Amino acid sequence: MICMKKYILLCIIIISFFNISCFFKSQSIFEKNPQLLAEIKADLASHRWDIRLIGLRKLYDTNEFKQLPESEDLLLTASFDEHTLVRIEAINMLAELKTPAAANRILTIAKEDRNENVKWQAIIALGTLRERQAIPVLIEATKSNDWLIREAAYKSINRIATSADRDNLVHVIVNGILDPVTAVKCATLENIPFYHPEIYNAIRLTLLQRNIPQNLLVACFNAIAGYALDATVKEILVNHLVDRNPEIRIIALRTLRQDNTYPKKN
């Protein structure tokens, strides 16, 4: 009987200890350290942009900011900051939150922000988040006069789009392949989500040009793999089987081996 009472008492102690431990473990860092939250809020309210940036980094350095209920409001407020670097940092952190409010705010920034660097960051973030509702905004971004914005838009489009977007995107992708800037061409050609004869023709036209940069040549060979290749394109590939660059030789051979009838992508 005495042993039973000792056993019950021991169980009660263990359960109590476990419950207390869980309570402390479940507390957020701001509950454990309210002063830290006060410091971050004070930093974000500073008249100095560098202090506001430090405040965001303090929030990030908590290592659990994605789980903190206060983070969303703090970051949404910071995304309206007058300083470019503060808005960019807020975008990066909002993208990690992956909440609907965060995604919507990034979408608005990509569409409306007055600074091209901030827009660029938001466009990249939309691709990372794979926000399908962003496709119309990204299509509009491909018309930008800033080639870096166009490049980022095509990268994000190819991350988000599927074959269901074919009708809306064929001409957009063709325009990207024919863009005057090589970096934009390469971004467009990377991971195109579907096959289409107009896309094939745009790649073919690019391959027929003289003195193609090596990075663009590689991008074209990768993008045209899987199509039913015409004799001219096959000849171009065969000629590059003896290219000085071993990467180009390998990709040319691989592309020839993948010669097939499109479409293969779903």
Protein backbone atom coordinates (compact mmCIF):
# COMPACT_ATOMS: atom_id res chain seq x y z
CA MET A 1 0.00 0.00 0.00
CA ILE A 2 2.83 2.36 0.92
CA CYS A 3 4.64 1.42 -2.30
CA MET A 4 1.49 2.19 -4.29
CA LYS A 5 1.21 5.65 -2.70
CA LYS A 6 4.87 6.35 -3.44
CA TYR A 7 4.30 5.25 -7.03
CA ILE A 8 1.26 7.53 -7.42
CA LEU A 9 3.15 10.45 -5.88
CA LEU A 10 6.08 9.86 -8.21
CA CYS A 11 3.73 9.81 -11.23
CA ILE A 12 2.14 13.07 -10.12
CA ILE A 13 5.57 14.70 -9.81
CA ILE A 14 6.67 13.46 -13.23
CA ILE A 15 3.44 14.60 -14.91
CA SER A 16 3.64 18.00 -13.21
CA PHE A 17 7.25 18.43 -14.30
CA PHE A 18 6.36 17.43 -17.85
CA ASN A 19 3.47 19.92 -17.99
CA ILE A 20 5.64 22.72 -16.63
CA SER A 21 8.39 21.91 -19.17
CA CYS A 22 5.88 21.91 -22.05
CA PHE A 23 4.50 25.24 -20.87
CA PHE A 24 7.92 26.87 -20.97
CA LYS A 25 8.83 25.23 -24.24
CA SER A 26 5.60 26.43 -25.87
CA GLN A 27 6.28 30.03 -24.93
CA SER A 28 7.49 32.16 -27.79
CA ILE A 29 10.70 34.12 -27.51
CA PHE A 30 8.67 37.31 -27.06
CA GLU A 31 6.74 35.75 -24.17
CA LYS A 32 10.01 34.72 -22.57
CA ASN A 33 11.66 38.05 -23.36
CA PRO A 34 9.07 40.86 -23.76
CA GLN A 35 11.91 43.40 -23.80
CA LEU A 36 13.11 42.02 -27.16
CA LEU A 37 9.76 42.71 -28.81
CA ALA A 38 9.80 46.23 -27.35
CA GLU A 39 13.31 46.76 -28.74
CA ILE A 40 12.33 45.56 -32.21
CA LYS A 41 9.24 47.78 -32.27
CA ALA A 42 11.33 50.75 -31.12
CA ASP A 43 13.91 50.05 -33.84
CA LEU A 44 11.23 49.81 -36.54
CA ALA A 45 9.79 53.13 -35.38
CA SER A 46 13.16 54.90 -35.55
CA HIS A 47 13.61 57.93 -37.83
CA ARG A 48 16.86 56.31 -39.04
CA TRP A 49 16.54 53.74 -41.82
CA ASP A 50 19.63 51.81 -40.71
CA ILE A 51 18.13 51.31 -37.24
CA ARG A 52 14.87 50.13 -38.81
CA LEU A 53 16.90 47.64 -40.86
CA ILE A 54 18.62 46.45 -37.68
CA GLY A 55 15.18 45.94 -36.14
CA LEU A 56 14.18 43.62 -38.99
CA ARG A 57 17.40 41.68 -38.63
CA LYS A 58 16.84 41.32 -34.89
CA LEU A 59 13.45 39.81 -35.72
CA TYR A 60 15.03 37.47 -38.26
CA ASP A 61 17.74 36.42 -35.82
CA THR A 62 15.18 35.10 -33.35
CA ASN A 63 15.27 31.96 -35.56
CA GLU A 64 11.54 31.48 -35.00
CA PHE A 65 10.14 34.63 -36.59
CA LYS A 66 8.10 32.53 -39.02
CA GLN A 67 6.13 31.10 -36.09
CA LEU A 68 5.72 34.33 -34.14
CA PRO A 69 2.19 35.80 -34.41
CA GLU A 70 3.64 39.33 -34.20
CA SER A 71 5.88 38.88 -37.26
CA GLU A 72 3.26 39.36 -39.97
CA ASP A 73 2.09 42.77 -38.76
CA LEU A 74 5.65 43.97 -38.16
CA LEU A 75 6.77 42.91 -41.63
CA LEU A 76 3.69 44.21 -43.42
CA THR A 77 4.28 47.60 -41.82
CA ALA A 78 7.97 47.50 -42.75
CA SER A 79 7.08 46.71 -46.37
CA PHE A 80 5.69 50.27 -46.65
CA ASP A 81 8.93 51.82 -45.37
CA GLU A 82 10.24 54.82 -47.28
CA HIS A 83 13.73 53.32 -47.61
CA THR A 84 14.50 50.83 -50.36
CA LEU A 85 16.71 48.48 -48.31
CA VAL A 86 14.15 48.20 -45.54
CA ARG A 87 11.39 47.31 -48.01
CA ILE A 88 13.64 44.73 -49.68
CA GLU A 89 14.46 43.08 -46.35
CA ALA A 90 10.76 43.03 -45.48
CA ILE A 91 9.96 41.34 -48.80
CA ASN A 92 12.53 38.61 -48.20
CA MET A 93 11.12 37.91 -44.75
CA LEU A 94 7.49 38.04 -45.91
CA ALA A 95 8.35 35.45 -48.57
CA GLU A 96 9.57 33.13 -45.81
CA LEU A 97 6.32 33.57 -43.87
CA LYS A 98 4.33 32.16 -46.82
CA THR A 99 1.03 33.49 -45.46
CA PRO A 100 -1.79 34.72 -47.73
CA ALA A 101 -1.40 38.29 -46.44
CA ALA A 102 2.35 38.18 -47.07
CA ALA A 103 1.89 36.84 -50.61
CA ASN A 104 -0.73 39.47 -51.42
CA ARG A 105 1.52 42.26 -50.17
CA ILE A 106 4.45 41.01 -52.27
CA LEU A 107 2.16 40.85 -55.29
CA THR A 108 1.11 44.46 -54.75
CA ILE A 109 4.74 45.55 -54.39
CA ALA A 110 5.67 43.80 -57.64
CA LYS A 111 2.87 45.67 -59.38
CA GLU A 112 3.05 49.10 -57.78
CA ASP A 113 6.35 49.87 -56.03
CA ARG A 114 8.08 53.00 -57.32
CA ASN A 115 11.59 51.52 -57.04
CA GLU A 116 12.84 49.05 -59.65
CA ASN A 117 15.14 47.25 -57.20
CA VAL A 118 12.23 46.63 -54.85
CA LYS A 119 10.01 45.46 -57.71
CA TRP A 120 12.77 43.10 -58.85
CA GLN A 121 12.97 41.56 -55.37
CA ALA A 122 9.19 41.14 -55.21
CA ILE A 123 9.11 39.50 -58.66
CA ILE A 124 11.79 37.01 -57.61
CA ALA A 125 9.88 36.31 -54.38
CA LEU A 126 6.68 35.56 -56.32
CA GLY A 127 8.52 32.89 -58.27
CA THR A 128 9.86 31.38 -55.06
CA LEU A 129 6.35 31.32 -53.60
CA ARG A 130 4.94 29.93 -56.87
CA GLU A 131 1.97 32.29 -56.63
CA ARG A 132 -0.24 31.47 -59.61
CA GLN A 133 -2.26 34.65 -59.20
CA ALA A 134 0.98 36.52 -59.95
CA ILE A 135 1.16 35.41 -63.59
CA PRO A 136 -0.68 38.49 -65.03
CA VAL A 137 1.61 40.80 -63.03
CA LEU A 138 4.67 38.90 -64.25
CA ILE A 139 3.49 39.06 -67.85
CA GLU A 140 3.22 42.83 -67.50
CA ALA A 141 6.72 42.91 -65.98
CA THR A 142 8.15 41.26 -69.12
CA LYS A 143 7.36 44.55 -70.92
CA SER A 144 9.55 46.61 -68.60
CA ASN A 145 12.27 48.84 -70.04
CA ASP A 146 14.59 47.47 -67.36
CA TRP A 147 16.10 44.21 -68.64
CA LEU A 148 16.73 43.00 -65.08
CA ILE A 149 13.00 43.21 -64.39
CA ARG A 150 12.26 41.31 -67.59
CA GLU A 151 14.83 38.65 -66.70
CA ALA A 152 13.36 38.19 -63.20
CA ALA A 153 9.82 38.05 -64.60
CA TYR A 154 10.68 35.24 -67.03
CA LYS A 155 12.45 33.26 -64.31
CA SER A 156 9.39 33.50 -62.08
CA ILE A 157 6.96 32.72 -64.89
CA ASN A 158 8.80 29.49 -65.67
CA ARG A 159 8.71 28.53 -61.99
CA ILE A 160 4.97 29.07 -61.69
CA ALA A 161 3.39 28.29 -65.06
CA THR A 162 2.05 24.92 -66.21
CA SER A 163 0.70 23.63 -69.51
CA ALA A 164 -2.68 25.12 -68.50
CA ASP A 165 -1.15 28.57 -69.10
CA ARG A 166 0.01 27.73 -72.63
CA ASP A 167 -2.47 29.93 -74.50
CA ASN A 168 -1.68 32.99 -72.38
CA LEU A 169 2.07 32.53 -72.35
CA VAL A 170 3.19 31.31 -75.77
CA HIS A 171 3.67 34.77 -77.23
CA VAL A 172 5.14 36.06 -73.97
CA ILE A 173 7.80 33.34 -74.04
CA VAL A 174 8.49 33.87 -77.74
CA ASN A 175 9.08 37.56 -77.03
CA GLY A 176 11.50 36.62 -74.27
CA ILE A 177 13.46 34.29 -76.54
CA LEU A 178 13.73 37.11 -79.11
CA ASP A 179 14.61 39.75 -76.48
CA PRO A 180 17.69 41.83 -77.45
CA VAL A 181 19.42 41.07 -74.11
CA THR A 182 21.15 37.69 -73.85
CA ALA A 183 20.47 37.33 -70.12
CA VAL A 184 16.73 37.71 -70.74
CA LYS A 185 16.86 35.14 -73.55
CA CYS A 186 18.62 32.64 -71.27
CA ALA A 187 16.15 33.23 -68.42
CA THR A 188 13.24 32.65 -70.80
CA LEU A 189 14.71 29.45 -72.18
CA GLU A 190 15.32 27.89 -68.78
CA ASN A 191 12.65 25.34 -67.78
CA ILE A 192 9.94 26.38 -70.24
CA PRO A 193 6.88 24.51 -68.86
CA PHE A 194 5.40 23.33 -72.18
CA TYR A 195 6.15 22.66 -75.85
CA HIS A 196 4.76 24.73 -78.70
CA PRO A 197 5.69 25.10 -82.40
CA GLU A 198 6.04 28.89 -82.10
CA ILE A 199 8.51 28.43 -79.26
CA TYR A 200 10.44 25.91 -81.35
CA ASN A 201 10.60 28.38 -84.23
CA ALA A 202 11.87 31.14 -81.94
CA ILE A 203 14.64 28.87 -80.63
CA ARG A 204 15.47 27.80 -84.19
CA LEU A 205 15.70 31.42 -85.28
CA THR A 206 18.09 32.12 -82.43
CA LEU A 207 20.28 29.16 -83.36
CA LEU A 208 20.55 30.43 -86.94
CA GLN A 209 22.15 33.66 -85.77
CA ARG A 210 25.90 34.14 -86.00
CA ASN A 211 28.30 34.30 -83.06
CA ILE A 212 25.87 33.08 -80.41
CA PRO A 213 27.31 33.41 -76.88
CA GLN A 214 28.07 30.05 -75.31
CA ASN A 215 25.60 30.47 -72.45
CA LEU A 216 22.81 31.21 -74.93
CA LEU A 217 23.81 28.25 -77.09
CA VAL A 218 23.60 25.93 -74.08
CA ALA A 219 20.21 27.39 -73.12
CA CYS A 220 18.88 26.88 -76.66
CA PHE A 221 20.09 23.28 -76.84
CA ASN A 222 18.50 22.48 -73.48
CA ALA A 223 15.22 24.18 -74.39
CA ILE A 224 14.88 22.51 -77.78
CA ALA A 225 15.52 19.02 -76.40
CA GLY A 226 12.48 16.78 -76.83
CA TYR A 227 11.13 18.47 -79.96
CA ALA A 228 11.01 16.79 -83.35
CA LEU A 229 14.11 18.43 -84.81
CA ASP A 230 14.26 19.59 -88.40
CA ALA A 231 17.31 18.94 -90.60
CA THR A 232 18.81 22.42 -90.10
CA VAL A 233 18.71 22.23 -86.30
CA LYS A 234 20.13 18.70 -86.39
CA GLU A 235 23.00 19.94 -88.53
CA ILE A 236 23.74 22.73 -86.04
CA LEU A 237 23.80 20.19 -83.21
CA VAL A 238 26.02 17.79 -85.15
CA ASN A 239 28.47 20.60 -85.93
CA HIS A 240 28.76 21.31 -82.20
CA LEU A 241 29.68 17.71 -81.40
CA VAL A 242 33.25 18.82 -82.07
CA ASP A 243 32.99 22.13 -80.20
CA ARG A 244 36.00 23.13 -78.12
CA ASN A 245 33.76 23.45 -75.07
CA PRO A 246 33.11 19.96 -73.62
CA GLU A 247 29.83 21.10 -72.00
CA ILE A 248 28.46 22.14 -75.38
CA ARG A 249 29.56 18.84 -76.95
CA ILE A 250 27.77 16.85 -74.24
CA ILE A 251 24.57 18.92 -74.40
CA ALA A 252 24.51 18.79 -78.20
CA LEU A 253 24.77 14.99 -78.11
CA ARG A 254 22.13 14.71 -75.40
CA THR A 255 19.75 16.95 -77.35
CA LEU A 256 20.18 14.89 -80.51
CA ARG A 257 19.42 11.72 -78.56
CA GLN A 258 16.20 13.29 -77.23
CA ASP A 259 14.89 14.14 -80.69
CA ASN A 260 11.20 13.29 -80.48
CA THR A 261 7.71 14.41 -81.35
CA TYR A 262 6.28 17.08 -79.05
CA PRO A 263 4.36 17.55 -76.83
CA LYS A 264 5.85 15.54 -73.97
CA LYS A 265 5.30 18.03 -71.13
CA ASN A 266 1.97 18.03 -69.36
